[in-house]
């Protein structure tokens, strides 16, 4: 039967945990001895592509950490905004204290 798997309601006992019911698909194993040449080439192209993508992704993450480009692009503007906001609040508190003396 091809198509989407049937999804049902999972009722848990008190001692059961949701970790037992993972949504992650298990990796399928393929018997490559039964594949035709086009299927064989397609299978190993997909496997090689997935592994290459994983390596390139890891290298990109390492390079981003090495060059220090993991933070927001305009971090200094965010910090300046927070600093100005704190100064304005401090100024407002001082004005309120000064006005309450009268």
Protein backbone atom coordinates (compact mmCIF):
# COMPACT_ATOMS: atom_id res chain seq x y z
CA UNK A 1 0.00 0.00 0.00
CA UNK A 2 1.61 3.25 -1.12
CA UNK A 3 0.84 6.69 0.23
CA UNK A 4 0.97 8.49 3.52
CA UNK A 5 1.13 6.46 6.73
CA UNK A 6 -1.98 6.46 8.88
CA UNK A 7 -1.62 8.77 11.85
CA UNK A 8 -3.63 7.88 14.93
CA UNK A 9 -4.12 9.06 18.48
CA UNK A 10 -1.52 7.90 20.97
CA UNK A 11 -2.81 7.26 24.47
CA UNK A 12 -0.06 7.20 27.09
CA UNK A 13 -0.05 5.40 30.39
CA UNK A 14 1.42 7.25 33.39
CA UNK A 15 4.69 5.33 33.12
CA UNK A 16 5.11 5.90 29.37
CA UNK A 17 6.99 8.75 27.79
CA UNK A 18 6.47 10.56 24.49
CA UNK A 19 10.07 9.75 23.54
CA UNK A 20 8.89 6.24 22.64
CA UNK A 21 6.71 7.73 19.88
CA UNK A 22 9.17 9.65 17.75
CA UNK A 23 8.08 11.38 14.55
CA UNK A 24 11.50 10.91 13.00
CA UNK A 25 11.56 8.48 10.13
CA UNK A 26 13.92 5.58 10.41
CA UNK A 27 16.53 5.42 7.68
CA UNK A 28 15.61 2.89 5.05
CA UNK A 29 18.12 0.27 4.03
CA UNK A 30 18.37 -0.52 0.34
CA UNK A 31 19.59 -3.83 -1.01
CA UNK A 32 21.91 -2.53 -3.71
CA UNK A 33 22.41 -6.00 -5.20
CA UNK A 34 18.80 -5.92 -6.43
CA UNK A 35 19.02 -2.49 -8.09
CA UNK A 36 19.39 -1.86 -11.80
CA UNK A 37 22.26 0.37 -12.95
CA UNK A 38 20.18 3.58 -13.09
CA UNK A 39 18.74 2.84 -9.64
CA UNK A 40 22.20 2.00 -8.30
CA UNK A 41 23.66 5.26 -9.63
CA UNK A 42 20.71 7.27 -8.32
CA UNK A 43 20.95 5.67 -4.89
CA UNK A 44 24.65 6.35 -4.45
CA UNK A 45 24.29 9.86 -5.91
CA UNK A 46 21.72 10.66 -3.21
CA UNK A 47 23.84 9.10 -0.46
CA UNK A 48 26.95 10.94 -1.65
CA UNK A 49 25.02 14.20 -1.97
CA UNK A 50 23.70 13.95 1.59
CA UNK A 51 27.16 13.27 2.98
CA UNK A 52 28.71 16.08 0.94
CA UNK A 53 26.05 18.51 2.14
CA UNK A 54 26.69 17.49 5.76
CA UNK A 55 30.45 18.07 5.35
CA UNK A 56 30.01 21.43 3.64
CA UNK A 57 27.50 22.53 6.29
CA UNK A 58 29.93 21.60 9.07
CA UNK A 59 32.80 23.40 7.36
CA UNK A 60 30.64 26.50 6.87
CA UNK A 61 29.72 26.53 10.54
CA UNK A 62 33.38 26.13 11.53
CA UNK A 63 34.44 28.96 9.20
CA UNK A 64 31.70 31.25 10.56
CA UNK A 65 32.94 30.63 14.10
CA UNK A 66 36.57 31.10 13.02
CA UNK A 67 35.91 34.47 11.40
CA UNK A 68 33.49 35.56 14.14
CA UNK A 69 30.49 36.14 11.92
CA UNK A 70 27.97 34.27 14.05
CA UNK A 71 26.43 37.38 15.66
CA UNK A 72 23.90 39.82 14.24
CA UNK A 73 25.21 42.04 11.44
CA UNK A 74 24.21 45.30 13.15
CA UNK A 75 24.91 44.31 16.77
CA UNK A 76 26.51 47.68 17.56
CA UNK A 77 23.30 49.47 16.56
CA UNK A 78 21.27 47.23 18.87
CA UNK A 79 23.67 47.94 21.76
CA UNK A 80 23.54 51.68 21.10
CA UNK A 81 19.74 51.60 21.10
CA UNK A 82 19.71 49.77 24.45
CA UNK A 83 22.21 52.28 25.87
CA UNK A 84 20.11 55.23 24.71
CA UNK A 85 16.98 53.65 26.13
CA UNK A 86 18.68 53.17 29.52
CA UNK A 87 19.91 56.80 29.54
CA UNK A 88 16.43 58.07 28.70
CA UNK A 89 14.91 56.01 31.51
CA UNK A 90 17.54 57.28 33.94
CA UNK A 91 16.89 60.88 32.85
CA UNK A 92 13.14 60.35 33.29
CA UNK A 93 13.65 58.99 36.83
CA UNK A 94 15.85 61.98 37.75
CA UNK A 95 13.25 64.40 36.38
CA UNK A 96 10.50 62.71 38.40
CA UNK A 97 12.58 62.87 41.58
CA UNK A 98 13.43 66.52 40.96
CA UNK A 99 9.78 67.42 40.30
CA UNK A 100 8.59 65.56 43.38
CA UNK A 101 10.72 67.86 45.60
CA UNK A 102 8.51 70.83 44.70
